[in-house]
Amino acid sequence: CMLAVIDLILSTSTMPKLLAAFWFGAHNIDLDACLTQMFFIHCFATVESGIFLAMTFDRYVAICDPLRHTLVLTHAAVGLLGLAALLRGVLYIGPLPLMIRLRLPLYRTQIIAHSYCEHMAIVTLACGDTTVNNLYGMGIGFLVLILDSFAITASCVMTFSIVTGLATPEARLKTLGTCSSHICAILVFSIPMAVSSLTHHFGHHVPPHIHILLANLYLLIPPIL
């Protein structure tokens, strides 16, 4: 449920403006509105990663300690996991719009070469020194992606070690099916995000339309699937 709500927020923060630009030629956006959109996109992408991490913990408990699953993951515990993911997203991404607003007042151009206000797309327009913005954005991206991926992988390895010890082939297949769907959902979310982030920071020779396409897919594919 939380995952669906997050995807709805991500879609709502980009799709109306995107469709208005395509359908009605409404290409203009106020700087504050642009920074607000950027905050929602990156904040809830970070929250979504946290929810996937919480879901991995849920699968681990359900498979490795099924009799205590309802005792460990009560409604209150699930709510706290969701709140922790939300707070992490706000704390990580909150400084991004402030750093742009306060540190980068002048811009070479007012044309954003993207369908929506993406952090690196805005930072690259600035005239001043963007080193701090680049390092912070890259650091947060790698922190979320690498730490969450490491924790999810460790949990999956422990879960699969339990699965291989199950008595019957039917039980193993049923459990693997549960884990596989979860892993596929994580890959659908993380691969477009990782590719989009890496091409922004290191793909200096990648054509602009490829950057834009990857950034669009990063927000379109997870909610659709």
C-alpha atoms as a PDB file:
ATOM      1  CA  CYS A   1       0.000   0.000   0.000  1.00  0.00           C
ATOM      2  CA  MET A   2       2.788   2.431   0.923  1.00  0.00           C
ATOM      3  CA  LEU A   3       4.623   1.543  -2.285  1.00  0.00           C
ATOM      4  CA  ALA A   4       1.506   2.304  -4.347  1.00  0.00           C
ATOM      5  CA  VAL A   5       1.011   5.656  -2.579  1.00  0.00           C
ATOM      6  CA  ILE A   6       4.661   6.611  -3.210  1.00  0.00           C
ATOM      7  CA  ASP A   7       4.338   5.758  -6.916  1.00  0.00           C
ATOM      8  CA  LEU A   8       1.168   7.860  -7.099  1.00  0.00           C
ATOM      9  CA  ILE A   9       3.006  10.815  -5.528  1.00  0.00           C
ATOM     10  CA  LEU A  10       5.939  10.402  -7.933  1.00  0.00           C
ATOM     11  CA  SER A  11       3.580  10.274 -10.917  1.00  0.00           C
ATOM     12  CA  THR A  12       1.487  13.206  -9.668  1.00  0.00           C
ATOM     13  CA  SER A  13       4.561  15.376  -9.155  1.00  0.00           C
ATOM     14  CA  THR A  14       5.640  14.998 -12.799  1.00  0.00           C
ATOM     15  CA  MET A  15       2.868  13.817 -15.131  1.00  0.00           C
ATOM     16  CA  PRO A  16       0.438  16.818 -14.985  1.00  0.00           C
ATOM     17  CA  LYS A  17       3.187  19.310 -15.863  1.00  0.00           C
ATOM     18  CA  LEU A  18       4.659  16.928 -18.444  1.00  0.00           C
ATOM     19  CA  LEU A  19       1.293  16.496 -20.192  1.00  0.00           C
ATOM     20  CA  ALA A  20       0.612  20.244 -20.012  1.00  0.00           C
ATOM     21  CA  ALA A  21       3.919  20.853 -21.800  1.00  0.00           C
ATOM     22  CA  PHE A  22       3.110  18.317 -24.540  1.00  0.00           C
ATOM     23  CA  TRP A  23      -0.591  19.088 -24.984  1.00  0.00           C
ATOM     24  CA  PHE A  24      -0.844  22.845 -24.343  1.00  0.00           C
ATOM     25  CA  GLY A  25       2.720  24.106 -24.858  1.00  0.00           C
ATOM     26  CA  ALA A  26       2.912  25.156 -21.187  1.00  0.00           C
ATOM     27  CA  HIS A  27       6.706  25.022 -21.034  1.00  0.00           C
ATOM     28  CA  ASN A  28       7.255  27.619 -18.293  1.00  0.00           C
ATOM     29  CA  ILE A  29       7.689  26.799 -14.613  1.00  0.00           C
ATOM     30  CA  ASP A  30       8.515  29.075 -11.684  1.00  0.00           C
ATOM     31  CA  LEU A  31      11.863  28.426  -9.964  1.00  0.00           C
ATOM     32  CA  ASP A  32      10.236  27.665  -6.597  1.00  0.00           C
ATOM     33  CA  ALA A  33       7.740  25.316  -8.260  1.00  0.00           C
ATOM     34  CA  CYS A  34      10.631  23.659 -10.092  1.00  0.00           C
ATOM     35  CA  LEU A  35      12.582  23.136  -6.855  1.00  0.00           C
ATOM     36  CA  THR A  36       9.445  21.811  -5.141  1.00  0.00           C
ATOM     37  CA  GLN A  37       8.939  19.303  -7.951  1.00  0.00           C
ATOM     38  CA  MET A  38      12.607  18.299  -7.703  1.00  0.00           C
ATOM     39  CA  PHE A  39      12.250  17.749  -3.947  1.00  0.00           C
ATOM     40  CA  PHE A  40       9.180  15.515  -4.327  1.00  0.00           C
ATOM     41  CA  ILE A  41      10.793  13.437  -7.086  1.00  0.00           C
ATOM     42  CA  HIS A  42      14.067  12.728  -5.293  1.00  0.00           C
ATOM     43  CA  CYS A  43      12.566  12.547  -1.801  1.00  0.00           C
ATOM     44  CA  PHE A  44       9.961   9.925  -2.668  1.00  0.00           C
ATOM     45  CA  ALA A  45      12.386   7.955  -4.833  1.00  0.00           C
ATOM     46  CA  THR A  46      14.525   7.713  -1.681  1.00  0.00           C
ATOM     47  CA  VAL A  47      11.458   6.787   0.392  1.00  0.00           C
ATOM     48  CA  GLU A  48      10.586   4.068  -2.151  1.00  0.00           C
ATOM     49  CA  SER A  49      14.041   2.550  -1.754  1.00  0.00           C
ATOM     50  CA  GLY A  50      13.488   2.523   2.013  1.00  0.00           C
ATOM     51  CA  ILE A  51      10.126   0.789   1.606  1.00  0.00           C
ATOM     52  CA  PHE A  52      11.762  -1.909  -0.535  1.00  0.00           C
ATOM     53  CA  LEU A  53      14.268  -2.406   2.272  1.00  0.00           C
ATOM     54  CA  ALA A  54      11.410  -2.751   4.772  1.00  0.00           C
ATOM     55  CA  MET A  55       9.676  -5.247   2.455  1.00  0.00           C
ATOM     56  CA  THR A  56      12.878  -7.312   2.364  1.00  0.00           C
ATOM     57  CA  PHE A  57      12.864  -7.444   6.149  1.00  0.00           C
ATOM     58  CA  ASP A  58       9.194  -8.474   6.018  1.00  0.00           C
ATOM     59  CA  ARG A  59      10.000 -11.352   3.605  1.00  0.00           C
ATOM     60  CA  TYR A  60      12.931 -12.431   5.774  1.00  0.00           C
ATOM     61  CA  VAL A  61      10.763 -12.651   8.907  1.00  0.00           C
ATOM     62  CA  ALA A  62       7.883 -14.325   7.023  1.00  0.00           C
ATOM     63  CA  ILE A  63      10.171 -17.072   5.672  1.00  0.00           C
ATOM     64  CA  CYS A  64      12.731 -17.491   8.455  1.00  0.00           C
ATOM     65  CA  ASP A  65      10.453 -17.037  11.467  1.00  0.00           C
ATOM     66  CA  PRO A  66       6.877 -17.442  10.172  1.00  0.00           C
ATOM     67  CA  LEU A  67       5.275 -18.204  13.550  1.00  0.00           C
ATOM     68  CA  ARG A  68       6.394 -14.838  14.941  1.00  0.00           C
ATOM     69  CA  HIS A  69       5.698 -12.793  11.790  1.00  0.00           C
ATOM     70  CA  THR A  70       2.483 -11.198  13.083  1.00  0.00           C
ATOM     71  CA  LEU A  71       4.141 -10.506  16.453  1.00  0.00           C
ATOM     72  CA  VAL A  72       7.229  -8.835  14.960  1.00  0.00           C
ATOM     73  CA  LEU A  73       5.573  -6.918  12.118  1.00  0.00           C
ATOM     74  CA  THR A  74       2.531  -5.447  13.817  1.00  0.00           C
ATOM     75  CA  HIS A  75       0.623  -2.538  12.240  1.00  0.00           C
ATOM     76  CA  ALA A  76       2.530  -0.184  14.554  1.00  0.00           C
ATOM     77  CA  ALA A  77       5.901  -1.650  13.487  1.00  0.00           C
ATOM     78  CA  VAL A  78       5.002  -1.348   9.796  1.00  0.00           C
ATOM     79  CA  GLY A  79       3.892   2.254  10.372  1.00  0.00           C
ATOM     80  CA  LEU A  80       7.202   3.050  12.090  1.00  0.00           C
ATOM     81  CA  LEU A  81       9.157   1.496   9.189  1.00  0.00           C
ATOM     82  CA  GLY A  82       7.214   3.670   6.744  1.00  0.00           C
ATOM     83  CA  LEU A  83       7.769   6.769   8.896  1.00  0.00           C
ATOM     84  CA  ALA A  84      11.505   6.029   9.136  1.00  0.00           C
ATOM     85  CA  ALA A  85      11.712   5.725   5.332  1.00  0.00           C
ATOM     86  CA  LEU A  86       9.843   9.044   4.941  1.00  0.00           C
ATOM     87  CA  LEU A  87      12.048  10.884   7.452  1.00  0.00           C
ATOM     88  CA  ARG A  88      15.177   9.542   5.786  1.00  0.00           C
ATOM     89  CA  GLY A  89      13.962  10.823   2.425  1.00  0.00           C
ATOM     90  CA  VAL A  90      13.176  14.285   3.817  1.00  0.00           C
ATOM     91  CA  LEU A  91      16.511  14.558   5.676  1.00  0.00           C
ATOM     92  CA  TYR A  92      18.573  13.380   2.700  1.00  0.00           C
ATOM     93  CA  ILE A  93      16.840  15.418  -0.010  1.00  0.00           C
ATOM     94  CA  GLY A  94      15.731  18.487   1.989  1.00  0.00           C
ATOM     95  CA  PRO A  95      19.088  20.294   1.591  1.00  0.00           C
ATOM     96  CA  LEU A  96      19.132  19.913  -2.227  1.00  0.00           C
ATOM     97  CA  PRO A  97      16.641  22.679  -3.151  1.00  0.00           C
ATOM     98  CA  LEU A  98      18.054  24.942  -0.417  1.00  0.00           C
ATOM     99  CA  MET A  99      21.605  24.508  -1.728  1.00  0.00           C
ATOM    100  CA  ILE A 100      20.440  25.459  -5.227  1.00  0.00           C
ATOM    101  CA  ARG A 101      18.327  28.415  -4.032  1.00  0.00           C
ATOM    102  CA  LEU A 102      20.998  29.867  -1.742  1.00  0.00           C
ATOM    103  CA  ARG A 103      24.259  28.930  -3.492  1.00  0.00           C
ATOM    104  CA  LEU A 104      23.404  29.138  -7.207  1.00  0.00           C
ATOM    105  CA  PRO A 105      21.449  32.368  -7.854  1.00  0.00           C
ATOM    106  CA  LEU A 106      22.647  32.940 -11.435  1.00  0.00           C
ATOM    107  CA  TYR A 107      22.025  30.709 -14.442  1.00  0.00           C
ATOM    108  CA  ARG A 108      23.559  30.632 -17.932  1.00  0.00           C
ATOM    109  CA  THR A 109      20.158  29.825 -19.443  1.00  0.00           C
ATOM    110  CA  GLN A 110      16.602  29.326 -18.245  1.00  0.00           C
ATOM    111  CA  ILE A 111      16.001  26.302 -20.465  1.00  0.00           C
ATOM    112  CA  ILE A 112      16.015  22.944 -18.676  1.00  0.00           C
ATOM    113  CA  ALA A 113      16.890  20.158 -21.101  1.00  0.00           C
ATOM    114  CA  HIS A 114      14.530  17.718 -19.368  1.00  0.00           C
ATOM    115  CA  SER A 115      10.863  16.833 -19.137  1.00  0.00           C
ATOM    116  CA  TYR A 116      10.842  17.692 -15.436  1.00  0.00           C
ATOM    117  CA  CYS A 117      13.014  19.431 -12.831  1.00  0.00           C
ATOM    118  CA  GLU A 118      15.763  16.936 -12.119  1.00  0.00           C
ATOM    119  CA  HIS A 119      18.583  17.884  -9.727  1.00  0.00           C
ATOM    120  CA  MET A 120      21.533  17.586 -12.098  1.00  0.00           C
ATOM    121  CA  ALA A 121      19.559  19.169 -14.946  1.00  0.00           C
ATOM    122  CA  ILE A 122      19.134  22.324 -12.818  1.00  0.00           C
ATOM    123  CA  VAL A 123      22.660  22.344 -11.353  1.00  0.00           C
ATOM    124  CA  THR A 124      24.287  22.175 -14.798  1.00  0.00           C
ATOM    125  CA  LEU A 125      22.589  25.494 -15.717  1.00  0.00           C
ATOM    126  CA  ALA A 126      24.303  27.426 -12.911  1.00  0.00           C
ATOM    127  CA  CYS A 127      27.135  29.907 -13.485  1.00  0.00           C
ATOM    128  CA  GLY A 128      28.797  29.471 -10.075  1.00  0.00           C
ATOM    129  CA  ASP A 129      30.823  26.660  -8.573  1.00  0.00           C
ATOM    130  CA  THR A 130      28.611  23.553  -8.454  1.00  0.00           C
ATOM    131  CA  THR A 131      31.156  21.179  -6.851  1.00  0.00           C
ATOM    132  CA  VAL A 132      29.355  21.007  -3.491  1.00  0.00           C
ATOM    133  CA  ASN A 133      25.976  20.395  -5.170  1.00  0.00           C
ATOM    134  CA  ASN A 134      27.449  17.700  -7.414  1.00  0.00           C
ATOM    135  CA  LEU A 135      29.225  15.922  -4.558  1.00  0.00           C
ATOM    136  CA  TYR A 136      26.200  16.053  -2.253  1.00  0.00           C
ATOM    137  CA  GLY A 137      23.821  14.787  -4.952  1.00  0.00           C
ATOM    138  CA  MET A 138      26.194  12.008  -5.970  1.00  0.00           C
ATOM    139  CA  GLY A 139      26.896  11.095  -2.336  1.00  0.00           C
ATOM    140  CA  ILE A 140      23.198  10.791  -1.499  1.00  0.00           C
ATOM    141  CA  GLY A 141      22.570   8.729  -4.642  1.00  0.00           C
ATOM    142  CA  PHE A 142      25.336   6.274  -3.871  1.00  0.00           C
ATOM    143  CA  LEU A 143      24.463   6.203  -0.157  1.00  0.00           C
ATOM    144  CA  VAL A 144      20.867   5.228  -0.863  1.00  0.00           C
ATOM    145  CA  LEU A 145      21.609   2.872  -3.741  1.00  0.00           C
ATOM    146  CA  ILE A 146      24.678   1.093  -2.358  1.00  0.00           C
ATOM    147  CA  LEU A 147      23.666   0.795   1.313  1.00  0.00           C
ATOM    148  CA  ASP A 148      20.108  -0.272   0.523  1.00  0.00           C
ATOM    149  CA  SER A 149      21.302  -2.705  -2.162  1.00  0.00           C
ATOM    150  CA  PHE A 150      23.861  -4.191   0.241  1.00  0.00           C
ATOM    151  CA  ALA A 151      21.257  -4.643   2.999  1.00  0.00           C
ATOM    152  CA  ILE A 152      18.705  -6.123   0.568  1.00  0.00           C
ATOM    153  CA  THR A 153      21.300  -8.511  -0.903  1.00  0.00           C
ATOM    154  CA  ALA A 154      22.409  -9.663   2.560  1.00  0.00           C
ATOM    155  CA  SER A 155      18.801 -10.302   3.558  1.00  0.00           C
ATOM    156  CA  CYS A 156      18.106 -12.221   0.327  1.00  0.00           C
ATOM    157  CA  VAL A 157      21.224 -14.391   0.806  1.00  0.00           C
ATOM    158  CA  MET A 158      20.123 -15.304   4.348  1.00  0.00           C
ATOM    159  CA  THR A 159      16.580 -15.969   3.116  1.00  0.00           C
ATOM    160  CA  PHE A 160      17.767 -18.225   0.274  1.00  0.00           C
ATOM    161  CA  SER A 161      19.989 -20.160   2.682  1.00  0.00           C
ATOM    162  CA  ILE A 162      16.861 -20.928   4.721  1.00  0.00           C
ATOM    163  CA  VAL A 163      14.879 -21.788   1.574  1.00  0.00           C
ATOM    164  CA  THR A 164      17.395 -24.411   0.448  1.00  0.00           C
ATOM    165  CA  GLY A 165      16.917 -26.185   3.766  1.00  0.00           C
ATOM    166  CA  LEU A 166      13.133 -26.567   3.426  1.00  0.00           C
ATOM    167  CA  ALA A 167      11.892 -30.129   3.443  1.00  0.00           C
ATOM    168  CA  THR A 168       9.810 -30.376   0.251  1.00  0.00           C
ATOM    169  CA  PRO A 169      10.367 -29.084  -3.303  1.00  0.00           C
ATOM    170  CA  GLU A 170       6.866 -27.544  -3.235  1.00  0.00           C
ATOM    171  CA  ALA A 171       7.736 -25.446  -0.181  1.00  0.00           C
ATOM    172  CA  ARG A 172      10.998 -24.331  -1.781  1.00  0.00           C
ATOM    173  CA  LEU A 173       9.245 -23.315  -5.033  1.00  0.00           C
ATOM    174  CA  LYS A 174       6.507 -21.417  -3.192  1.00  0.00           C
ATOM    175  CA  THR A 175       9.035 -19.527  -1.103  1.00  0.00           C
ATOM    176  CA  LEU A 176      11.278 -18.787  -4.084  1.00  0.00           C
ATOM    177  CA  GLY A 177       8.255 -17.451  -5.984  1.00  0.00           C
ATOM    178  CA  THR A 178       7.549 -15.001  -3.167  1.00  0.00           C
ATOM    179  CA  CYS A 179      11.172 -13.836  -3.060  1.00  0.00           C
ATOM    180  CA  SER A 180      11.542 -13.642  -6.854  1.00  0.00           C
ATOM    181  CA  SER A 181       8.598 -11.265  -7.319  1.00  0.00           C
ATOM    182  CA  HIS A 182      10.054  -8.999  -4.630  1.00  0.00           C
ATOM    183  CA  ILE A 183      13.525  -9.055  -6.205  1.00  0.00           C
ATOM    184  CA  CYS A 184      12.044  -8.264  -9.634  1.00  0.00           C
ATOM    185  CA  ALA A 185      10.212  -5.248  -8.183  1.00  0.00           C
ATOM    186  CA  ILE A 186      13.467  -3.996  -6.636  1.00  0.00           C
ATOM    187  CA  LEU A 187      15.375  -4.421  -9.922  1.00  0.00           C
ATOM    188  CA  VAL A 188      12.631  -2.622 -11.879  1.00  0.00           C
ATOM    189  CA  PHE A 189      13.030   0.327  -9.503  1.00  0.00           C
ATOM    190  CA  SER A 190      16.805   0.372  -8.944  1.00  0.00           C
ATOM    191  CA  ILE A 191      18.222  -0.349 -12.420  1.00  0.00           C
ATOM    192  CA  PRO A 192      16.644   2.683 -14.214  1.00  0.00           C
ATOM    193  CA  MET A 193      17.564   4.913 -11.240  1.00  0.00           C
ATOM    194  CA  ALA A 194      21.177   3.697 -11.197  1.00  0.00           C
ATOM    195  CA  VAL A 195      21.601   3.994 -14.979  1.00  0.00           C
ATOM    196  CA  SER A 196      20.059   7.484 -15.046  1.00  0.00           C
ATOM    197  CA  SER A 197      22.234   8.675 -12.153  1.00  0.00           C
ATOM    198  CA  LEU A 198      25.454   7.224 -13.580  1.00  0.00           C
ATOM    199  CA  THR A 199      24.876   8.689 -17.047  1.00  0.00           C
ATOM    200  CA  HIS A 200      24.302  12.122 -15.473  1.00  0.00           C
ATOM    201  CA  HIS A 201      27.522  12.058 -13.475  1.00  0.00           C
ATOM    202  CA  PHE A 202      29.859  10.150 -15.778  1.00  0.00           C
ATOM    203  CA  GLY A 203      28.206   9.930 -19.216  1.00  0.00           C
ATOM    204  CA  HIS A 204      29.485  13.249 -20.546  1.00  0.00           C
ATOM    205  CA  HIS A 205      29.580  11.903 -24.113  1.00  0.00           C
ATOM    206  CA  VAL A 206      26.065  10.422 -23.982  1.00  0.00           C
ATOM    207  CA  PRO A 207      23.685  12.344 -26.319  1.00  0.00           C
ATOM    208  CA  PRO A 208      21.182  14.634 -24.495  1.00  0.00           C
ATOM    209  CA  HIS A 209      18.129  12.764 -25.816  1.00  0.00           C
ATOM    210  CA  ILE A 210      19.450   9.561 -24.194  1.00  0.00           C
ATOM    211  CA  HIS A 211      19.760  11.388 -20.852  1.00  0.00           C
ATOM    212  CA  ILE A 212      16.177  12.623 -21.172  1.00  0.00           C
ATOM    213  CA  LEU A 213      14.833   9.210 -22.206  1.00  0.00           C
ATOM    214  CA  LEU A 214      16.549   7.451 -19.283  1.00  0.00           C
ATOM    215  CA  ALA A 215      15.284  10.083 -16.828  1.00  0.00           C
ATOM    216  CA  ASN A 216      11.715   9.612 -18.133  1.00  0.00           C
ATOM    217  CA  LEU A 217      11.937   5.820 -17.951  1.00  0.00           C
ATOM    218  CA  TYR A 218      13.233   6.090 -14.385  1.00  0.00           C
ATOM    219  CA  LEU A 219       9.935   7.719 -13.338  1.00  0.00           C
ATOM    220  CA  LEU A 220       7.605   5.848 -15.732  1.00  0.00           C
ATOM    221  CA  ILE A 221       8.613   2.178 -15.549  1.00  0.00           C
ATOM    222  CA  PRO A 222       8.330   1.456 -11.765  1.00  0.00           C
ATOM    223  CA  PRO A 223       4.801   2.923 -11.324  1.00  0.00           C
ATOM    224  CA  ILE A 224       3.553   1.202 -14.504  1.00  0.00           C
ATOM    225  CA  LEU A 225       4.911  -2.213 -13.555  1.00  0.00           C
END
